C-alpha atoms as a PDB file:
ATOM      1  CA  ALA A   1     -67.808  66.383-122.032  1.00  0.00           C
ATOM      2  CA  TRP A   2     -71.077  67.979-123.115  1.00  0.00           C
ATOM      3  CA  ASP A   3     -71.381  65.798-126.178  1.00  0.00           C
ATOM      4  CA  SER A   4     -71.445  62.685-123.993  1.00  0.00           C
ATOM      5  CA  ILE A   5     -74.578  63.951-122.222  1.00  0.00           C
ATOM      6  CA  VAL A   6     -76.535  63.033-125.326  1.00  0.00           C
ATOM      7  CA  ASP A   7     -75.607  59.371-124.996  1.00  0.00           C
ATOM      8  CA  TYR A   8     -77.021  59.152-121.466  1.00  0.00           C
ATOM      9  CA  SER A   9     -80.122  61.297-121.577  1.00  0.00           C
ATOM     10  CA  ASN A  10     -83.551  61.714-123.060  1.00  0.00           C
ATOM     11  CA  TYR A  11     -82.280  64.592-125.204  1.00  0.00           C
ATOM     12  CA  LYS A  12     -81.377  62.227-128.021  1.00  0.00           C
ATOM     13  CA  GLU A  13     -85.103  61.819-128.594  1.00  0.00           C
ATOM     14  CA  ASP A  14     -85.282  65.548-129.383  1.00  0.00           C
ATOM     15  CA  THR A  15     -83.065  65.300-132.475  1.00  0.00           C
ATOM     16  CA  ASP A  16     -84.544  67.257-135.380  1.00  0.00           C
ATOM     17  CA  ASP A  17     -84.312  66.524-139.111  1.00  0.00           C
ATOM     18  CA  ASN A  18     -80.911  68.260-139.284  1.00  0.00           C
ATOM     19  CA  GLY A  19     -79.358  66.265-136.440  1.00  0.00           C
ATOM     20  CA  ASN A  20     -79.656  69.050-133.869  1.00  0.00           C
ATOM     21  CA  ILE A  21     -80.236  67.955-130.294  1.00  0.00           C
ATOM     22  CA  VAL A  22     -82.103  70.526-128.251  1.00  0.00           C
ATOM     23  CA  ALA A  23     -82.687  70.874-124.529  1.00  0.00           C
ATOM     24  CA  GLY A  24     -84.513  74.122-123.932  1.00  0.00           C
ATOM     25  CA  ASN A  25     -85.510  76.802-126.415  1.00  0.00           C
ATOM     26  CA  HIS A  26     -83.674  76.865-129.770  1.00  0.00           C
ATOM     27  CA  LEU A  27     -84.548  78.503-133.084  1.00  0.00           C
ATOM     28  CA  ALA A  28     -82.372  77.101-135.870  1.00  0.00           C
ATOM     29  CA  ILE A  29     -81.979  78.263-139.466  1.00  0.00           C
ATOM     30  CA  ASP A  30     -79.591  76.305-141.700  1.00  0.00           C
ATOM     31  CA  THR A  31     -78.099  74.674-138.590  1.00  0.00           C
ATOM     32  CA  LYS A  32     -76.843  71.070-138.532  1.00  0.00           C
ATOM     33  CA  ASP A  33     -75.536  68.577-135.978  1.00  0.00           C
ATOM     34  CA  CYS A  34     -75.519  70.978-133.025  1.00  0.00           C
ATOM     35  CA  ILE A  35     -76.262  70.377-129.367  1.00  0.00           C
ATOM     36  CA  THR A  36     -77.991  73.252-127.610  1.00  0.00           C
ATOM     37  CA  TYR A  37     -78.834  73.435-123.925  1.00  0.00           C
ATOM     38  CA  SER A  38     -80.595  76.396-122.407  1.00  0.00           C
ATOM     39  CA  LYS A  39     -82.187  76.822-119.000  1.00  0.00           C
ATOM     40  CA  LYS A  40     -83.807  80.207-119.619  1.00  0.00           C
ATOM     41  CA  ARG A  41     -82.858  82.122-122.735  1.00  0.00           C
ATOM     42  CA  LEU A  42     -83.629  81.417-126.359  1.00  0.00           C
ATOM     43  CA  ILE A  43     -80.631  80.211-128.364  1.00  0.00           C
ATOM     44  CA  THR A  44     -80.731  81.171-132.047  1.00  0.00           C
ATOM     45  CA  THR A  45     -78.377  79.879-134.715  1.00  0.00           C
ATOM     46  CA  ILE A  46     -77.944  80.607-138.401  1.00  0.00           C
ATOM     47  CA  GLY A  47     -75.692  78.710-140.777  1.00  0.00           C
ATOM     48  CA  VAL A  48     -73.640  76.790-138.232  1.00  0.00           C
ATOM     49  CA  ASP A  49     -72.863  73.136-137.735  1.00  0.00           C
ATOM     50  CA  ASN A  50     -71.156  70.794-135.322  1.00  0.00           C
ATOM     51  CA  LEU A  51     -71.388  73.125-132.313  1.00  0.00           C
ATOM     52  CA  ILE A  52     -72.188  72.692-128.650  1.00  0.00           C
ATOM     53  CA  ILE A  53     -73.939  75.719-127.168  1.00  0.00           C
ATOM     54  CA  VAL A  54     -74.714  75.726-123.451  1.00  0.00           C
ATOM     55  CA  GLU A  55     -76.446  78.580-121.642  1.00  0.00           C
ATOM     56  CA  THR A  56     -76.516  78.592-117.854  1.00  0.00           C
ATOM     57  CA  GLU A  57     -77.291  81.276-115.287  1.00  0.00           C
ATOM     58  CA  ASP A  58     -73.759  82.641-115.246  1.00  0.00           C
ATOM     59  CA  ALA A  59     -72.089  81.685-118.511  1.00  0.00           C
ATOM     60  CA  ILE A  60     -72.466  80.686-122.150  1.00  0.00           C
ATOM     61  CA  LEU A  61     -70.256  78.068-123.760  1.00  0.00           C
ATOM     62  CA  VAL A  62     -69.855  77.747-127.523  1.00  0.00           C
ATOM     63  CA  CYS A  63     -67.443  75.153-128.871  1.00  0.00           C
ATOM     64  CA  ASP A  64     -66.923  72.816-131.773  1.00  0.00           C
ATOM     65  CA  LYS A  65     -68.171  69.328-130.939  1.00  0.00           C
ATOM     66  CA  ASN A  66     -64.744  67.983-131.868  1.00  0.00           C
ATOM     67  CA  ARG A  67     -63.239  70.059-129.024  1.00  0.00           C
ATOM     68  CA  ALA A  68     -65.735  69.149-126.282  1.00  0.00           C
ATOM     69  CA  GLN A  69     -63.009  67.418-124.281  1.00  0.00           C
ATOM     70  CA  ASP A  70     -61.187  70.772-124.083  1.00  0.00           C
ATOM     71  CA  VAL A  71     -63.824  72.323-121.821  1.00  0.00           C
ATOM     72  CA  LYS A  72     -61.390  71.530-119.017  1.00  0.00           C
ATOM     73  CA  LEU A  73     -59.102  74.210-120.511  1.00  0.00           C
ATOM     74  CA  ILE A  74     -61.799  76.792-119.818  1.00  0.00           C
ATOM     75  CA  VAL A  75     -62.237  75.518-116.274  1.00  0.00           C
ATOM     76  CA  ASP A  76     -58.469  75.706-115.671  1.00  0.00           C
ATOM     77  CA  LYS A  77     -58.314  79.257-117.081  1.00  0.00           C
ATOM     78  CA  LEU A  78     -61.250  80.387-114.942  1.00  0.00           C
ATOM     79  CA  LYS A  79     -59.500  79.024-111.840  1.00  0.00           C
ATOM     80  CA  GLU A  80     -56.241  80.678-112.832  1.00  0.00           C
ATOM     81  CA  ASP A  81     -57.986  84.028-113.305  1.00  0.00           C
ATOM     82  CA  GLY A  82     -59.842  83.738-109.969  1.00  0.00           C
ATOM     83  CA  HIS A  83     -63.348  83.272-111.421  1.00  0.00           C
ATOM     84  CA  ASN A  84     -64.281  80.567-108.952  1.00  0.00           C
ATOM     85  CA  GLU A  85     -67.863  81.845-108.754  1.00  0.00           C
ATOM     86  CA  LEU A  86     -68.459  80.414-112.235  1.00  0.00           C
ATOM     87  CA  LEU A  87     -67.276  76.932-111.317  1.00  0.00           C
END
């Protein structure tokens, strides 16, 4: 799960005053307890909390941190729909 990455990485050191953990470029306004990961693009958030936002070359994931374990549901649906190029 994406939230577990924080426990095993240097990203925890990048926690801001609002509990946001950032890997990459993130502009936050009234944002709390989020994890953002971006390889290229800027992620911007306004008035959200408790989210995981992951930007990769071919997809963007946004989910509540409490549902991080359900990412496997997305993977299963992508397989079912034949989107194997995203896996």
